[in-house]
Amino acid sequence: MIGVRVRLTFPDELVREPIIARLVKEFDVVPNIRRADVGEHGGWIICELDGESGTVDRSVEWLRDAGVQVHLLGDVVES
């Protein structure tokens, strides 16, 4: 299991979409939201994504493909 801290930036068209819920359902990762600012016209979330190494990598790619900007904040913790 690994955990990675990311900043997710959502454009206007994705703010109302259940992106985090889909992420959990599709990839079996556990997001721990540490800080967020989400409004009608965009927003961001800083969270930790915990799961199997390959699964976390695939979930990050899926987020990017969906249109979410993903910034890796450099904190990777293996357990």
N, C-alpha and C. Protein backbone atom coordinates (compact mmCIF):
# COMPACT_ATOMS: atom_id res chain seq x y z
N MET A 1 0.85 -1.19 0.00
CA MET A 1 0.00 0.00 0.00
C MET A 1 0.89 1.24 0.00
N ILE A 2 0.45 2.25 -0.74
CA ILE A 2 1.14 3.54 -0.74
C ILE A 2 0.11 4.64 -0.55
N GLY A 3 0.60 5.79 -0.17
CA GLY A 3 -0.22 6.99 -0.09
C GLY A 3 0.52 8.11 -0.77
N VAL A 4 -0.18 8.88 -1.55
CA VAL A 4 0.43 10.01 -2.26
C VAL A 4 -0.44 11.24 -2.04
N ARG A 5 0.22 12.36 -1.81
CA ARG A 5 -0.51 13.62 -1.61
C ARG A 5 -0.58 14.35 -2.93
N VAL A 6 -1.77 14.79 -3.31
CA VAL A 6 -1.99 15.46 -4.59
C VAL A 6 -2.85 16.70 -4.41
N ARG A 7 -2.69 17.62 -5.33
CA ARG A 7 -3.61 18.75 -5.44
C ARG A 7 -4.39 18.53 -6.72
N LEU A 8 -5.70 18.45 -6.60
CA LEU A 8 -6.59 18.25 -7.74
C LEU A 8 -7.28 19.58 -8.04
N THR A 9 -7.15 20.04 -9.27
CA THR A 9 -7.79 21.30 -9.67
C THR A 9 -8.87 20.97 -10.69
N PHE A 10 -10.08 21.40 -10.39
CA PHE A 10 -11.25 21.07 -11.20
C PHE A 10 -11.69 22.28 -12.02
N PRO A 11 -11.85 22.12 -13.35
CA PRO A 11 -12.38 23.20 -14.17
C PRO A 11 -13.90 23.33 -13.96
N ASP A 12 -14.45 24.41 -14.47
CA ASP A 12 -15.89 24.70 -14.31
C ASP A 12 -16.78 23.50 -14.61
N GLU A 13 -16.51 22.85 -15.75
CA GLU A 13 -17.42 21.80 -16.21
C GLU A 13 -17.38 20.53 -15.36
N LEU A 14 -16.40 20.40 -14.48
CA LEU A 14 -16.31 19.19 -13.66
C LEU A 14 -16.69 19.40 -12.19
N VAL A 15 -16.95 20.64 -11.80
CA VAL A 15 -17.24 20.92 -10.39
C VAL A 15 -18.45 20.15 -9.89
N ARG A 16 -19.46 19.99 -10.68
CA ARG A 16 -20.69 19.31 -10.25
C ARG A 16 -20.65 17.80 -10.49
N GLU A 17 -19.58 17.29 -11.08
CA GLU A 17 -19.46 15.86 -11.35
C GLU A 17 -18.94 15.12 -10.11
N PRO A 18 -19.41 13.91 -9.86
CA PRO A 18 -18.96 13.14 -8.69
C PRO A 18 -17.62 12.42 -8.95
N ILE A 19 -16.60 13.20 -9.25
CA ILE A 19 -15.31 12.65 -9.63
C ILE A 19 -14.70 11.81 -8.50
N ILE A 20 -14.73 12.30 -7.28
CA ILE A 20 -14.13 11.57 -6.16
C ILE A 20 -14.89 10.27 -5.90
N ALA A 21 -16.20 10.30 -5.99
CA ALA A 21 -17.00 9.08 -5.81
C ALA A 21 -16.66 8.05 -6.88
N ARG A 22 -16.52 8.49 -8.12
CA ARG A 22 -16.14 7.58 -9.21
C ARG A 22 -14.74 7.01 -8.99
N LEU A 23 -13.84 7.84 -8.51
CA LEU A 23 -12.48 7.41 -8.24
C LEU A 23 -12.47 6.26 -7.24
N VAL A 24 -13.23 6.40 -6.17
CA VAL A 24 -13.30 5.36 -5.14
C VAL A 24 -13.90 4.08 -5.71
N LYS A 25 -14.98 4.23 -6.45
CA LYS A 25 -15.68 3.06 -7.00
C LYS A 25 -14.85 2.34 -8.06
N GLU A 26 -14.22 3.09 -8.95
CA GLU A 26 -13.47 2.50 -10.05
C GLU A 26 -12.15 1.87 -9.63
N PHE A 27 -11.46 2.52 -8.68
CA PHE A 27 -10.08 2.15 -8.41
C PHE A 27 -9.82 1.63 -7.00
N ASP A 28 -10.79 1.65 -6.15
CA ASP A 28 -10.62 1.17 -4.78
C ASP A 28 -9.46 1.88 -4.08
N VAL A 29 -9.39 3.18 -4.27
CA VAL A 29 -8.44 4.00 -3.52
C VAL A 29 -9.21 4.75 -2.43
N VAL A 30 -8.50 5.14 -1.40
CA VAL A 30 -9.13 5.85 -0.29
C VAL A 30 -8.60 7.29 -0.29
N PRO A 31 -9.45 8.26 -0.62
CA PRO A 31 -9.01 9.65 -0.56
C PRO A 31 -9.22 10.22 0.84
N ASN A 32 -8.23 10.92 1.34
CA ASN A 32 -8.34 11.61 2.61
C ASN A 32 -8.19 13.10 2.30
N ILE A 33 -9.30 13.81 2.27
CA ILE A 33 -9.30 15.23 1.89
C ILE A 33 -8.75 16.04 3.06
N ARG A 34 -7.68 16.77 2.80
CA ARG A 34 -7.00 17.55 3.82
C ARG A 34 -7.38 19.03 3.77
N ARG A 35 -7.67 19.52 2.58
CA ARG A 35 -8.03 20.92 2.41
C ARG A 35 -8.73 21.06 1.07
N ALA A 36 -9.68 21.99 0.98
CA ALA A 36 -10.40 22.15 -0.28
C ALA A 36 -11.01 23.55 -0.37
N ASP A 37 -11.20 23.99 -1.60
CA ASP A 37 -11.92 25.22 -1.89
C ASP A 37 -12.63 24.98 -3.22
N VAL A 38 -13.92 24.73 -3.15
CA VAL A 38 -14.70 24.41 -4.33
C VAL A 38 -15.87 25.38 -4.42
N GLY A 39 -16.01 26.01 -5.58
CA GLY A 39 -17.10 26.94 -5.81
C GLY A 39 -17.83 26.56 -7.09
N GLU A 40 -18.70 27.44 -7.54
CA GLU A 40 -19.48 27.17 -8.75
C GLU A 40 -18.63 27.10 -10.00
N HIS A 41 -17.53 27.83 -10.02
CA HIS A 41 -16.75 27.98 -11.25
C HIS A 41 -15.36 27.39 -11.14
N GLY A 42 -15.23 26.30 -10.45
CA GLY A 42 -13.94 25.63 -10.33
C GLY A 42 -13.59 25.41 -8.88
N GLY A 43 -12.49 24.73 -8.67
CA GLY A 43 -12.06 24.49 -7.31
C GLY A 43 -10.86 23.58 -7.25
N TRP A 44 -10.37 23.38 -6.03
CA TRP A 44 -9.23 22.51 -5.83
C TRP A 44 -9.41 21.72 -4.54
N ILE A 45 -8.74 20.59 -4.51
CA ILE A 45 -8.74 19.72 -3.33
C ILE A 45 -7.31 19.23 -3.13
N ILE A 46 -6.83 19.30 -1.91
CA ILE A 46 -5.58 18.64 -1.56
C ILE A 46 -5.97 17.40 -0.78
N CYS A 47 -5.53 16.25 -1.27
CA CYS A 47 -5.89 15.01 -0.60
C CYS A 47 -4.77 13.99 -0.70
N GLU A 48 -4.88 13.00 0.14
CA GLU A 48 -3.99 11.86 0.09
C GLU A 48 -4.76 10.72 -0.55
N LEU A 49 -4.15 10.04 -1.50
CA LEU A 49 -4.76 8.88 -2.14
C LEU A 49 -4.01 7.65 -1.66
N ASP A 50 -4.71 6.77 -0.97
CA ASP A 50 -4.11 5.54 -0.44
C ASP A 50 -4.63 4.34 -1.19
N GLY A 51 -3.74 3.40 -1.52
CA GLY A 51 -4.15 2.17 -2.20
C GLY A 51 -2.93 1.42 -2.68
N GLU A 52 -3.16 0.39 -3.45
CA GLU A 52 -2.06 -0.37 -4.04
C GLU A 52 -1.32 0.53 -5.03
N SER A 53 -0.01 0.35 -5.13
CA SER A 53 0.84 1.22 -5.94
C SER A 53 0.33 1.40 -7.38
N GLY A 54 0.10 0.30 -8.08
CA GLY A 54 -0.38 0.38 -9.46
C GLY A 54 -1.76 1.00 -9.56
N THR A 55 -2.59 0.74 -8.58
CA THR A 55 -3.94 1.29 -8.56
C THR A 55 -3.92 2.80 -8.39
N VAL A 56 -3.07 3.29 -7.50
CA VAL A 56 -2.96 4.74 -7.30
C VAL A 56 -2.45 5.39 -8.59
N ASP A 57 -1.46 4.80 -9.23
CA ASP A 57 -0.95 5.34 -10.49
C ASP A 57 -2.05 5.41 -11.56
N ARG A 58 -2.82 4.34 -11.69
CA ARG A 58 -3.91 4.32 -12.68
C ARG A 58 -4.98 5.35 -12.33
N SER A 59 -5.26 5.53 -11.05
CA SER A 59 -6.29 6.49 -10.65
C SER A 59 -5.85 7.92 -10.98
N VAL A 60 -4.57 8.22 -10.82
CA VAL A 60 -4.05 9.55 -11.16
C VAL A 60 -4.17 9.78 -12.66
N GLU A 61 -3.83 8.79 -13.46
CA GLU A 61 -3.97 8.92 -14.92
C GLU A 61 -5.43 9.10 -15.32
N TRP A 62 -6.33 8.37 -14.67
CA TRP A 62 -7.76 8.50 -14.95
C TRP A 62 -8.24 9.92 -14.64
N LEU A 63 -7.80 10.47 -13.52
CA LEU A 63 -8.17 11.85 -13.17
C LEU A 63 -7.70 12.82 -14.26
N ARG A 64 -6.49 12.65 -14.70
CA ARG A 64 -5.95 13.54 -15.76
C ARG A 64 -6.75 13.38 -17.05
N ASP A 65 -7.05 12.14 -17.41
CA ASP A 65 -7.85 11.90 -18.63
C ASP A 65 -9.24 12.50 -18.53
N ALA A 66 -9.78 12.57 -17.31
CA ALA A 66 -11.12 13.14 -17.09
C ALA A 66 -11.11 14.66 -17.16
N GLY A 67 -9.92 15.29 -17.16
CA GLY A 67 -9.83 16.75 -17.24
C GLY A 67 -9.45 17.43 -15.96
N VAL A 68 -9.13 16.65 -14.93
CA VAL A 68 -8.69 17.22 -13.66
C VAL A 68 -7.18 17.44 -13.73
N GLN A 69 -6.74 18.62 -13.32
CA GLN A 69 -5.30 18.85 -13.23
C GLN A 69 -4.79 18.19 -11.95
N VAL A 70 -3.79 17.36 -12.08
CA VAL A 70 -3.23 16.65 -10.92
C VAL A 70 -1.80 17.11 -10.71
N HIS A 71 -1.54 17.64 -9.53
CA HIS A 71 -0.19 18.06 -9.15
C HIS A 71 0.26 17.17 -8.01
N LEU A 72 1.30 16.38 -8.24
CA LEU A 72 1.85 15.52 -7.19
C LEU A 72 2.64 16.44 -6.24
N LEU A 73 2.35 16.31 -4.96
CA LEU A 73 2.98 17.18 -3.98
C LEU A 73 4.21 16.54 -3.34
N GLY A 74 4.59 15.38 -3.83
CA GLY A 74 5.85 14.79 -3.43
C GLY A 74 5.83 13.89 -2.22
N ASP A 75 4.73 13.83 -1.51
CA ASP A 75 4.66 12.98 -0.33
C ASP A 75 4.16 11.59 -0.72
N VAL A 76 5.04 10.62 -0.75
CA VAL A 76 4.66 9.24 -1.02
C VAL A 76 5.05 8.43 0.21
N VAL A 77 4.07 7.75 0.76
CA VAL A 77 4.32 6.95 1.96
C VAL A 77 3.97 5.50 1.66
N GLU A 78 4.90 4.60 1.86
CA GLU A 78 4.63 3.18 1.67
C GLU A 78 4.36 2.55 3.03
N SER A 79 3.38 1.66 3.03
CA SER A 79 3.09 0.94 4.29
C SER A 79 2.97 -0.53 4.05
